[in-house]
C-alpha atoms as a PDB file:
ATOM      1  CA  UNK A   1     -27.902 -17.518   4.521  1.00  0.00           C
ATOM      2  CA  UNK A   2     -25.884 -14.562   5.868  1.00  0.00           C
ATOM      3  CA  UNK A   3     -22.589 -15.187   7.576  1.00  0.00           C
ATOM      4  CA  UNK A   4     -21.835 -14.038  11.138  1.00  0.00           C
ATOM      5  CA  UNK A   5     -20.394 -10.699  10.018  1.00  0.00           C
ATOM      6  CA  UNK A   6     -23.412  -9.900   7.840  1.00  0.00           C
ATOM      7  CA  UNK A   7     -25.756 -10.778  10.709  1.00  0.00           C
ATOM      8  CA  UNK A   8     -23.759  -8.549  13.074  1.00  0.00           C
ATOM      9  CA  UNK A   9     -23.963  -5.627  10.631  1.00  0.00           C
ATOM     10  CA  UNK A  10     -27.695  -6.181  10.112  1.00  0.00           C
ATOM     11  CA  UNK A  11     -28.290  -6.202  13.875  1.00  0.00           C
ATOM     12  CA  UNK A  12     -26.290  -2.983  14.271  1.00  0.00           C
ATOM     13  CA  UNK A  13     -28.202  -1.327  11.409  1.00  0.00           C
ATOM     14  CA  UNK A  14     -31.565  -2.386  12.855  1.00  0.00           C
ATOM     15  CA  UNK A  15     -30.655  -1.343  16.415  1.00  0.00           C
ATOM     16  CA  UNK A  16     -29.511   2.122  15.283  1.00  0.00           C
ATOM     17  CA  UNK A  17     -32.264   2.688  12.711  1.00  0.00           C
ATOM     18  CA  UNK A  18     -29.755   2.960   9.840  1.00  0.00           C
ATOM     19  CA  UNK A  19     -31.794   1.164   7.206  1.00  0.00           C
ATOM     20  CA  UNK A  20     -31.739   3.732   4.424  1.00  0.00           C
ATOM     21  CA  UNK A  21     -31.766   2.601   0.775  1.00  0.00           C
ATOM     22  CA  UNK A  22     -28.478   1.356  -0.617  1.00  0.00           C
ATOM     23  CA  UNK A  23     -28.377   4.281  -3.072  1.00  0.00           C
ATOM     24  CA  UNK A  24     -28.282   6.765  -0.196  1.00  0.00           C
ATOM     25  CA  UNK A  25     -25.665   4.760   1.686  1.00  0.00           C
ATOM     26  CA  UNK A  26     -23.451   4.751  -1.407  1.00  0.00           C
ATOM     27  CA  UNK A  27     -23.848   8.515  -1.800  1.00  0.00           C
ATOM     28  CA  UNK A  28     -22.883   9.002   1.851  1.00  0.00           C
ATOM     29  CA  UNK A  29     -19.868   6.719   1.354  1.00  0.00           C
ATOM     30  CA  UNK A  30     -18.613   8.631  -1.689  1.00  0.00           C
ATOM     31  CA  UNK A  31     -19.191  11.939   0.084  1.00  0.00           C
ATOM     32  CA  UNK A  32     -16.950  10.790   2.954  1.00  0.00           C
ATOM     33  CA  UNK A  33     -14.280   9.438   0.572  1.00  0.00           C
ATOM     34  CA  UNK A  34     -14.303  12.826  -1.155  1.00  0.00           C
ATOM     35  CA  UNK A  35     -13.693  14.558   2.166  1.00  0.00           C
ATOM     36  CA  UNK A  36     -10.683  12.318   2.830  1.00  0.00           C
ATOM     37  CA  UNK A  37      -9.314  13.010  -0.655  1.00  0.00           C
ATOM     38  CA  UNK A  38      -9.744  16.749  -0.118  1.00  0.00           C
ATOM     39  CA  UNK A  39      -7.738  16.646   3.114  1.00  0.00           C
ATOM     40  CA  UNK A  40      -4.963  14.588   1.488  1.00  0.00           C
ATOM     41  CA  UNK A  41      -4.802  17.112  -1.352  1.00  0.00           C
ATOM     42  CA  UNK A  42      -4.474  19.952   1.168  1.00  0.00           C
ATOM     43  CA  UNK A  43      -1.743  18.097   3.098  1.00  0.00           C
ATOM     44  CA  UNK A  44       0.241  17.519  -0.082  1.00  0.00           C
ATOM     45  CA  UNK A  45      -0.068  21.136  -1.238  1.00  0.00           C
ATOM     46  CA  UNK A  46      -2.174  19.804  -4.109  1.00  0.00           C
ATOM     47  CA  UNK A  47       0.655  17.549  -5.244  1.00  0.00           C
ATOM     48  CA  UNK A  48       3.566  19.943  -4.704  1.00  0.00           C
ATOM     49  CA  UNK A  49       5.062  18.032  -1.761  1.00  0.00           C
ATOM     50  CA  UNK A  50       5.286  14.462  -0.525  1.00  0.00           C
ATOM     51  CA  UNK A  51       2.787  13.394   2.101  1.00  0.00           C
ATOM     52  CA  UNK A  52       3.236  10.567   4.574  1.00  0.00           C
ATOM     53  CA  UNK A  53      -0.068   8.955   5.424  1.00  0.00           C
END
């Protein structure tokens, strides 16, 4: 039985038609994480200066 949080997420996913296969959701997730990493690398001069996050 899903907990309250899982039920809330499921309702949101159903309401917004976001029920793509888990493989595609994981690819989207890693794509976004890569974008964040790219911006952090730019901010740090690719490791040449300290960056406060």
